[in-house]
């Protein structure tokens, strides 16, 4: 066996073990919350990790991968186009890049302002696709200047614009727990925003919340999608 082949097998075993551990955590959290584990999907965030890891993950049964940076996401999606994966764009999005992101992303989770909607719809249309979109909600206190996201009061207008766009489909909400605050109360606020959204858009049932450090709290509050990076892939490379 060549050194390269041995390294690839070792990495596959590492990823398989990590995935098993994450799925164990998800099952335990669903049991504790009285939820069906089938309700909770997993997006593995491959930011800064190579396309070779994406291929190993696909071989291990991962179907959804997430990326934060447009240039990196675009390159990996092209390189791994044969795998049939669903690509989630989950990072901050510039309006002048919206059409390009919709050219490869199947799901855009970080729609946080109206200005993004026309470009996303145009890019999806040029590709001949319908792109699933989530409204990214800010869970920070007003004026805190923390994470990205729309103010909860802005969610209805933004959701309406996505739902009305020809080549977009509104599927739910996404959020990141605020820094310096326990995630549970923040995710409880997100659950309230999601419930209000479903009253107007019953089809928008997805709640994307929960990462490696807080997935249990997210599941307790109704998350249907988790975005997990380091618990599957390990510490991000220092050279990025």
C-alpha atoms as a PDB file:
ATOM      1  CA  UNK A   1       0.000   0.000   0.000  1.00  0.00           C
ATOM      2  CA  UNK A   2       1.326   3.415  -0.952  1.00  0.00           C
ATOM      3  CA  UNK A   3       1.721   6.092   1.741  1.00  0.00           C
ATOM      4  CA  UNK A   4      -0.947   8.176   0.013  1.00  0.00           C
ATOM      5  CA  UNK A   5      -3.431   5.312   0.010  1.00  0.00           C
ATOM      6  CA  UNK A   6      -2.711   4.595   3.645  1.00  0.00           C
ATOM      7  CA  UNK A   7      -3.299   8.221   4.590  1.00  0.00           C
ATOM      8  CA  UNK A   8      -6.599   8.261   2.699  1.00  0.00           C
ATOM      9  CA  UNK A   9      -7.775   5.114   4.509  1.00  0.00           C
ATOM     10  CA  UNK A  10      -6.751   6.590   7.858  1.00  0.00           C
ATOM     11  CA  UNK A  11      -8.651   9.802   7.105  1.00  0.00           C
ATOM     12  CA  UNK A  12     -11.712   7.843   6.043  1.00  0.00           C
ATOM     13  CA  UNK A  13     -11.654   5.908   9.314  1.00  0.00           C
ATOM     14  CA  UNK A  14     -11.312   9.161  11.259  1.00  0.00           C
ATOM     15  CA  UNK A  15     -14.269  10.737   9.464  1.00  0.00           C
ATOM     16  CA  UNK A  16     -16.357   7.591   9.879  1.00  0.00           C
ATOM     17  CA  UNK A  17     -15.675   7.505  13.625  1.00  0.00           C
ATOM     18  CA  UNK A  18     -16.485  11.208  13.985  1.00  0.00           C
ATOM     19  CA  UNK A  19     -19.704  10.852  12.007  1.00  0.00           C
ATOM     20  CA  UNK A  20     -20.778   7.946  14.182  1.00  0.00           C
ATOM     21  CA  UNK A  21     -20.149  10.038  17.305  1.00  0.00           C
ATOM     22  CA  UNK A  22     -22.195  12.953  15.924  1.00  0.00           C
ATOM     23  CA  UNK A  23     -25.073  10.657  14.984  1.00  0.00           C
ATOM     24  CA  UNK A  24     -24.963   9.207  18.500  1.00  0.00           C
ATOM     25  CA  UNK A  25     -25.264  12.723  19.931  1.00  0.00           C
ATOM     26  CA  UNK A  26     -28.176  13.490  17.612  1.00  0.00           C
ATOM     27  CA  UNK A  27     -30.003  10.304  18.605  1.00  0.00           C
ATOM     28  CA  UNK A  28     -29.470  10.985  22.314  1.00  0.00           C
ATOM     29  CA  UNK A  29     -30.672  14.580  21.972  1.00  0.00           C
ATOM     30  CA  UNK A  30     -33.762  13.497  20.045  1.00  0.00           C
ATOM     31  CA  UNK A  31     -34.536  10.884  22.693  1.00  0.00           C
ATOM     32  CA  UNK A  32     -34.204  13.503  25.420  1.00  0.00           C
ATOM     33  CA  UNK A  33     -36.480  15.902  23.533  1.00  0.00           C
ATOM     34  CA  UNK A  34     -39.033  13.216  22.623  1.00  0.00           C
ATOM     35  CA  UNK A  35     -38.404  13.733  18.924  1.00  0.00           C
ATOM     36  CA  UNK A  36     -38.032  11.359  16.000  1.00  0.00           C
ATOM     37  CA  UNK A  37     -34.399  11.323  14.837  1.00  0.00           C
ATOM     38  CA  UNK A  38     -35.666  11.198  11.249  1.00  0.00           C
ATOM     39  CA  UNK A  39     -36.813  14.814  11.676  1.00  0.00           C
ATOM     40  CA  UNK A  40     -33.242  16.091  12.045  1.00  0.00           C
ATOM     41  CA  UNK A  41     -30.950  16.300   9.024  1.00  0.00           C
ATOM     42  CA  UNK A  42     -27.196  16.855   8.994  1.00  0.00           C
ATOM     43  CA  UNK A  43     -25.220  19.309   6.883  1.00  0.00           C
ATOM     44  CA  UNK A  44     -21.475  18.740   7.189  1.00  0.00           C
ATOM     45  CA  UNK A  45     -19.613  22.038   6.904  1.00  0.00           C
ATOM     46  CA  UNK A  46     -16.426  21.466   4.902  1.00  0.00           C
ATOM     47  CA  UNK A  47     -15.061  25.009   5.066  1.00  0.00           C
ATOM     48  CA  UNK A  48     -11.249  25.055   4.554  1.00  0.00           C
ATOM     49  CA  UNK A  49     -11.114  21.265   4.125  1.00  0.00           C
ATOM     50  CA  UNK A  50     -10.138  19.747   0.771  1.00  0.00           C
ATOM     51  CA  UNK A  51     -12.399  18.241  -1.860  1.00  0.00           C
ATOM     52  CA  UNK A  52     -10.836  14.863  -1.037  1.00  0.00           C
ATOM     53  CA  UNK A  53     -12.605  15.026   2.334  1.00  0.00           C
ATOM     54  CA  UNK A  54     -15.884  15.803   0.578  1.00  0.00           C
ATOM     55  CA  UNK A  55     -15.441  12.652  -1.504  1.00  0.00           C
ATOM     56  CA  UNK A  56     -14.773  10.569   1.595  1.00  0.00           C
ATOM     57  CA  UNK A  57     -17.838  12.026   3.308  1.00  0.00           C
ATOM     58  CA  UNK A  58     -20.005  11.214   0.289  1.00  0.00           C
ATOM     59  CA  UNK A  59     -18.700   7.661   0.363  1.00  0.00           C
ATOM     60  CA  UNK A  60     -19.706   7.508   4.036  1.00  0.00           C
ATOM     61  CA  UNK A  61     -23.273   8.480   3.219  1.00  0.00           C
ATOM     62  CA  UNK A  62     -23.223  12.255   3.687  1.00  0.00           C
ATOM     63  CA  UNK A  63     -25.646  13.890   1.251  1.00  0.00           C
ATOM     64  CA  UNK A  64     -25.523  17.557   2.279  1.00  0.00           C
ATOM     65  CA  UNK A  65     -22.421  19.721   2.609  1.00  0.00           C
ATOM     66  CA  UNK A  66     -22.098  23.373   3.581  1.00  0.00           C
ATOM     67  CA  UNK A  67     -19.651  26.103   2.663  1.00  0.00           C
ATOM     68  CA  UNK A  68     -19.142  29.658   3.922  1.00  0.00           C
ATOM     69  CA  UNK A  69     -17.003  31.252   1.213  1.00  0.00           C
ATOM     70  CA  UNK A  70     -18.183  31.714  -2.363  1.00  0.00           C
ATOM     71  CA  UNK A  71     -14.917  31.102  -4.164  1.00  0.00           C
ATOM     72  CA  UNK A  72     -14.133  27.951  -2.175  1.00  0.00           C
ATOM     73  CA  UNK A  73     -17.698  26.677  -2.483  1.00  0.00           C
ATOM     74  CA  UNK A  74     -17.826  27.246  -6.222  1.00  0.00           C
ATOM     75  CA  UNK A  75     -14.578  25.369  -6.784  1.00  0.00           C
ATOM     76  CA  UNK A  76     -15.513  22.399  -4.614  1.00  0.00           C
ATOM     77  CA  UNK A  77     -18.992  22.126  -6.108  1.00  0.00           C
ATOM     78  CA  UNK A  78     -17.463  21.944  -9.589  1.00  0.00           C
ATOM     79  CA  UNK A  79     -14.777  19.466  -8.537  1.00  0.00           C
ATOM     80  CA  UNK A  80     -17.315  17.217  -6.819  1.00  0.00           C
ATOM     81  CA  UNK A  81     -20.152  17.618  -9.321  1.00  0.00           C
ATOM     82  CA  UNK A  82     -20.232  13.876  -9.985  1.00  0.00           C
ATOM     83  CA  UNK A  83     -21.202  13.049  -6.383  1.00  0.00           C
ATOM     84  CA  UNK A  84     -24.806  14.261  -6.495  1.00  0.00           C
ATOM     85  CA  UNK A  85     -24.489  16.225  -3.249  1.00  0.00           C
ATOM     86  CA  UNK A  86     -26.745  19.035  -2.064  1.00  0.00           C
ATOM     87  CA  UNK A  87     -24.631  22.146  -1.574  1.00  0.00           C
ATOM     88  CA  UNK A  88     -25.644  24.581   1.156  1.00  0.00           C
ATOM     89  CA  UNK A  89     -24.250  28.104   1.139  1.00  0.00           C
ATOM     90  CA  UNK A  90     -24.273  29.209   4.772  1.00  0.00           C
ATOM     91  CA  UNK A  91     -21.944  32.214   4.907  1.00  0.00           C
ATOM     92  CA  UNK A  92     -22.385  35.948   4.619  1.00  0.00           C
ATOM     93  CA  UNK A  93     -23.437  36.791   1.087  1.00  0.00           C
ATOM     94  CA  UNK A  94     -22.589  39.893  -0.917  1.00  0.00           C
ATOM     95  CA  UNK A  95     -25.353  41.057  -3.251  1.00  0.00           C
ATOM     96  CA  UNK A  96     -22.980  41.160  -6.234  1.00  0.00           C
ATOM     97  CA  UNK A  97     -22.192  37.467  -5.663  1.00  0.00           C
ATOM     98  CA  UNK A  98     -25.794  36.313  -5.171  1.00  0.00           C
ATOM     99  CA  UNK A  99     -26.406  35.231  -8.767  1.00  0.00           C
ATOM    100  CA  UNK A 100     -23.105  33.336  -8.894  1.00  0.00           C
ATOM    101  CA  UNK A 101     -23.879  31.502  -5.641  1.00  0.00           C
ATOM    102  CA  UNK A 102     -27.283  30.461  -6.980  1.00  0.00           C
ATOM    103  CA  UNK A 103     -25.440  29.019  -9.963  1.00  0.00           C
ATOM    104  CA  UNK A 104     -24.225  26.049  -7.882  1.00  0.00           C
ATOM    105  CA  UNK A 105     -25.891  26.118  -4.441  1.00  0.00           C
ATOM    106  CA  UNK A 106     -28.987  24.003  -3.956  1.00  0.00           C
ATOM    107  CA  UNK A 107     -29.774  25.721  -0.657  1.00  0.00           C
ATOM    108  CA  UNK A 108     -28.879  29.257   0.425  1.00  0.00           C
ATOM    109  CA  UNK A 109     -29.283  29.491   4.188  1.00  0.00           C
ATOM    110  CA  UNK A 110     -28.016  33.036   4.728  1.00  0.00           C
ATOM    111  CA  UNK A 111     -30.613  35.288   3.082  1.00  0.00           C
ATOM    112  CA  UNK A 112     -30.646  38.199   5.500  1.00  0.00           C
ATOM    113  CA  UNK A 113     -31.779  41.184   3.399  1.00  0.00           C
ATOM    114  CA  UNK A 114     -34.071  42.020   0.497  1.00  0.00           C
ATOM    115  CA  UNK A 115     -31.209  43.112  -1.747  1.00  0.00           C
ATOM    116  CA  UNK A 116     -30.088  39.499  -2.176  1.00  0.00           C
ATOM    117  CA  UNK A 117     -33.365  38.164  -3.539  1.00  0.00           C
ATOM    118  CA  UNK A 118     -33.285  39.424  -7.168  1.00  0.00           C
ATOM    119  CA  UNK A 119     -29.736  38.181  -7.764  1.00  0.00           C
ATOM    120  CA  UNK A 120     -30.428  34.783  -6.247  1.00  0.00           C
ATOM    121  CA  UNK A 121     -33.533  34.333  -8.358  1.00  0.00           C
ATOM    122  CA  UNK A 122     -31.739  35.431 -11.513  1.00  0.00           C
ATOM    123  CA  UNK A 123     -28.836  33.069 -10.919  1.00  0.00           C
ATOM    124  CA  UNK A 124     -31.156  30.161 -10.201  1.00  0.00           C
ATOM    125  CA  UNK A 125     -33.140  30.905 -13.341  1.00  0.00           C
ATOM    126  CA  UNK A 126     -30.028  31.023 -15.514  1.00  0.00           C
ATOM    127  CA  UNK A 127     -29.142  27.594 -14.161  1.00  0.00           C
ATOM    128  CA  UNK A 128     -32.656  26.296 -14.782  1.00  0.00           C
ATOM    129  CA  UNK A 129     -33.129  25.487 -11.103  1.00  0.00           C
ATOM    130  CA  UNK A 130     -35.209  26.438  -8.107  1.00  0.00           C
ATOM    131  CA  UNK A 131     -33.010  27.240  -5.102  1.00  0.00           C
ATOM    132  CA  UNK A 132     -34.233  26.605  -1.564  1.00  0.00           C
ATOM    133  CA  UNK A 133     -33.746  29.657   0.665  1.00  0.00           C
ATOM    134  CA  UNK A 134     -33.805  30.229   4.403  1.00  0.00           C
ATOM    135  CA  UNK A 135     -34.139  33.576   6.119  1.00  0.00           C
ATOM    136  CA  UNK A 136     -31.146  34.068   8.387  1.00  0.00           C
ATOM    137  CA  UNK A 137     -32.417  35.521  11.654  1.00  0.00           C
ATOM    138  CA  UNK A 138     -30.295  37.543  14.046  1.00  0.00           C
ATOM    139  CA  UNK A 139     -30.617  36.284  17.609  1.00  0.00           C
ATOM    140  CA  UNK A 140     -28.456  39.051  19.041  1.00  0.00           C
ATOM    141  CA  UNK A 141     -29.998  41.754  21.238  1.00  0.00           C
ATOM    142  CA  UNK A 142     -30.934  44.904  19.263  1.00  0.00           C
ATOM    143  CA  UNK A 143     -27.908  47.072  18.614  1.00  0.00           C
ATOM    144  CA  UNK A 144     -25.446  44.413  19.751  1.00  0.00           C
ATOM    145  CA  UNK A 145     -23.708  44.315  16.385  1.00  0.00           C
ATOM    146  CA  UNK A 146     -23.036  40.593  16.615  1.00  0.00           C
ATOM    147  CA  UNK A 147     -23.805  37.838  14.128  1.00  0.00           C
ATOM    148  CA  UNK A 148     -25.324  38.403  10.707  1.00  0.00           C
ATOM    149  CA  UNK A 149     -29.035  38.042  10.184  1.00  0.00           C
ATOM    150  CA  UNK A 150     -32.277  39.896   9.735  1.00  0.00           C
ATOM    151  CA  UNK A 151     -34.021  41.386  12.728  1.00  0.00           C
ATOM    152  CA  UNK A 152     -37.002  39.174  13.655  1.00  0.00           C
ATOM    153  CA  UNK A 153     -39.330  42.050  12.795  1.00  0.00           C
ATOM    154  CA  UNK A 154     -37.971  42.033   9.223  1.00  0.00           C
ATOM    155  CA  UNK A 155     -38.550  38.318   8.669  1.00  0.00           C
ATOM    156  CA  UNK A 156     -42.128  38.516   7.290  1.00  0.00           C
ATOM    157  CA  UNK A 157     -41.213  41.002   4.547  1.00  0.00           C
ATOM    158  CA  UNK A 158     -38.076  39.121   3.582  1.00  0.00           C
ATOM    159  CA  UNK A 159     -39.865  35.781   3.589  1.00  0.00           C
ATOM    160  CA  UNK A 160     -42.603  37.211   1.392  1.00  0.00           C
ATOM    161  CA  UNK A 161     -40.055  38.435  -1.136  1.00  0.00           C
ATOM    162  CA  UNK A 162     -38.388  35.016  -1.309  1.00  0.00           C
ATOM    163  CA  UNK A 163     -41.736  33.248  -1.660  1.00  0.00           C
ATOM    164  CA  UNK A 164     -42.719  35.576  -4.506  1.00  0.00           C
ATOM    165  CA  UNK A 165     -39.437  35.151  -6.428  1.00  0.00           C
ATOM    166  CA  UNK A 166     -39.857  33.001  -9.536  1.00  0.00           C
ATOM    167  CA  UNK A 167     -36.835  30.752  -9.065  1.00  0.00           C
ATOM    168  CA  UNK A 168     -36.617  30.588  -5.263  1.00  0.00           C
ATOM    169  CA  UNK A 169     -38.439  28.480  -2.694  1.00  0.00           C
ATOM    170  CA  UNK A 170     -38.872  29.617   0.893  1.00  0.00           C
ATOM    171  CA  UNK A 171     -38.150  26.644   3.171  1.00  0.00           C
ATOM    172  CA  UNK A 172     -37.564  28.125   6.624  1.00  0.00           C
ATOM    173  CA  UNK A 173     -35.199  29.994   8.913  1.00  0.00           C
ATOM    174  CA  UNK A 174     -31.571  29.744   9.955  1.00  0.00           C
ATOM    175  CA  UNK A 175     -29.646  31.250  12.841  1.00  0.00           C
ATOM    176  CA  UNK A 176     -26.394  31.105  14.767  1.00  0.00           C
ATOM    177  CA  UNK A 177     -26.423  31.321  18.549  1.00  0.00           C
ATOM    178  CA  UNK A 178     -25.084  34.672  19.798  1.00  0.00           C
ATOM    179  CA  UNK A 179     -21.617  34.908  21.252  1.00  0.00           C
ATOM    180  CA  UNK A 180     -21.450  35.288  25.026  1.00  0.00           C
ATOM    181  CA  UNK A 181     -24.973  34.016  25.667  1.00  0.00           C
ATOM    182  CA  UNK A 182     -26.273  30.517  26.431  1.00  0.00           C
ATOM    183  CA  UNK A 183     -27.659  29.079  23.185  1.00  0.00           C
ATOM    184  CA  UNK A 184     -30.879  27.644  24.628  1.00  0.00           C
ATOM    185  CA  UNK A 185     -32.797  30.919  25.136  1.00  0.00           C
ATOM    186  CA  UNK A 186     -31.610  32.152  21.738  1.00  0.00           C
ATOM    187  CA  UNK A 187     -32.867  28.997  20.031  1.00  0.00           C
ATOM    188  CA  UNK A 188     -36.154  29.361  21.897  1.00  0.00           C
ATOM    189  CA  UNK A 189     -36.504  32.811  20.307  1.00  0.00           C
ATOM    190  CA  UNK A 190     -35.766  31.285  16.908  1.00  0.00           C
ATOM    191  CA  UNK A 191     -38.488  28.694  17.450  1.00  0.00           C
ATOM    192  CA  UNK A 192     -40.967  31.515  18.039  1.00  0.00           C
ATOM    193  CA  UNK A 193     -39.872  33.281  14.844  1.00  0.00           C
ATOM    194  CA  UNK A 194     -40.208  30.006  12.932  1.00  0.00           C
ATOM    195  CA  UNK A 195     -43.713  29.406  14.277  1.00  0.00           C
ATOM    196  CA  UNK A 196     -44.795  32.892  13.234  1.00  0.00           C
ATOM    197  CA  UNK A 197     -43.345  32.335   9.764  1.00  0.00           C
ATOM    198  CA  UNK A 198     -45.197  29.022   9.357  1.00  0.00           C
ATOM    199  CA  UNK A 199     -48.483  30.754  10.115  1.00  0.00           C
ATOM    200  CA  UNK A 200     -48.083  32.707   6.858  1.00  0.00           C
ATOM    201  CA  UNK A 201     -46.001  30.152   4.938  1.00  0.00           C
ATOM    202  CA  UNK A 202     -46.940  26.633   6.104  1.00  0.00           C
ATOM    203  CA  UNK A 203     -44.428  25.066   3.723  1.00  0.00           C
ATOM    204  CA  UNK A 204     -41.491  26.848   5.411  1.00  0.00           C
ATOM    205  CA  UNK A 205     -40.843  24.200   8.048  1.00  0.00           C
ATOM    206  CA  UNK A 206     -37.055  24.000   8.136  1.00  0.00           C
ATOM    207  CA  UNK A 207     -35.171  25.322  11.163  1.00  0.00           C
ATOM    208  CA  UNK A 208     -31.426  25.307  10.563  1.00  0.00           C
ATOM    209  CA  UNK A 209     -29.733  25.739  13.924  1.00  0.00           C
ATOM    210  CA  UNK A 210     -27.118  23.975  15.966  1.00  0.00           C
ATOM    211  CA  UNK A 211     -23.419  23.449  15.431  1.00  0.00           C
ATOM    212  CA  UNK A 212     -20.798  21.240  17.048  1.00  0.00           C
ATOM    213  CA  UNK A 213     -21.017  22.934  20.446  1.00  0.00           C
ATOM    214  CA  UNK A 214     -24.769  23.427  20.794  1.00  0.00           C
ATOM    215  CA  UNK A 215     -26.587  20.831  18.717  1.00  0.00           C
ATOM    216  CA  UNK A 216     -28.401  19.396  21.761  1.00  0.00           C
ATOM    217  CA  UNK A 217     -29.975  22.759  22.621  1.00  0.00           C
ATOM    218  CA  UNK A 218     -30.949  23.272  18.984  1.00  0.00           C
ATOM    219  CA  UNK A 219     -32.683  19.891  18.801  1.00  0.00           C
ATOM    220  CA  UNK A 220     -34.498  20.636  22.063  1.00  0.00           C
ATOM    221  CA  UNK A 221     -35.864  23.809  20.439  1.00  0.00           C
ATOM    222  CA  UNK A 222     -37.055  22.143  17.243  1.00  0.00           C
ATOM    223  CA  UNK A 223     -34.121  22.330  14.836  1.00  0.00           C
ATOM    224  CA  UNK A 224     -34.625  20.220  11.713  1.00  0.00           C
ATOM    225  CA  UNK A 225     -31.143  20.809  10.253  1.00  0.00           C
ATOM    226  CA  UNK A 226     -27.779  20.900  12.016  1.00  0.00           C
ATOM    227  CA  UNK A 227     -24.631  22.467  10.536  1.00  0.00           C
ATOM    228  CA  UNK A 228     -21.698  20.476  11.897  1.00  0.00           C
ATOM    229  CA  UNK A 229     -18.059  21.115  11.025  1.00  0.00           C
ATOM    230  CA  UNK A 230     -15.329  20.479  13.586  1.00  0.00           C
ATOM    231  CA  UNK A 231     -17.025  17.521  15.284  1.00  0.00           C
ATOM    232  CA  UNK A 232     -16.878  15.656  11.969  1.00  0.00           C
ATOM    233  CA  UNK A 233     -13.804  17.051  10.247  1.00  0.00           C
ATOM    234  CA  UNK A 234     -11.634  18.071  13.183  1.00  0.00           C
ATOM    235  CA  UNK A 235      -9.864  21.351  13.848  1.00  0.00           C
ATOM    236  CA  UNK A 236      -9.824  23.600  10.804  1.00  0.00           C
ATOM    237  CA  UNK A 237      -6.447  23.936   9.049  1.00  0.00           C
ATOM    238  CA  UNK A 238      -4.408  26.858  10.363  1.00  0.00           C
ATOM    239  CA  UNK A 239      -3.432  27.884   6.820  1.00  0.00           C
ATOM    240  CA  UNK A 240      -6.571  29.053   5.063  1.00  0.00           C
END
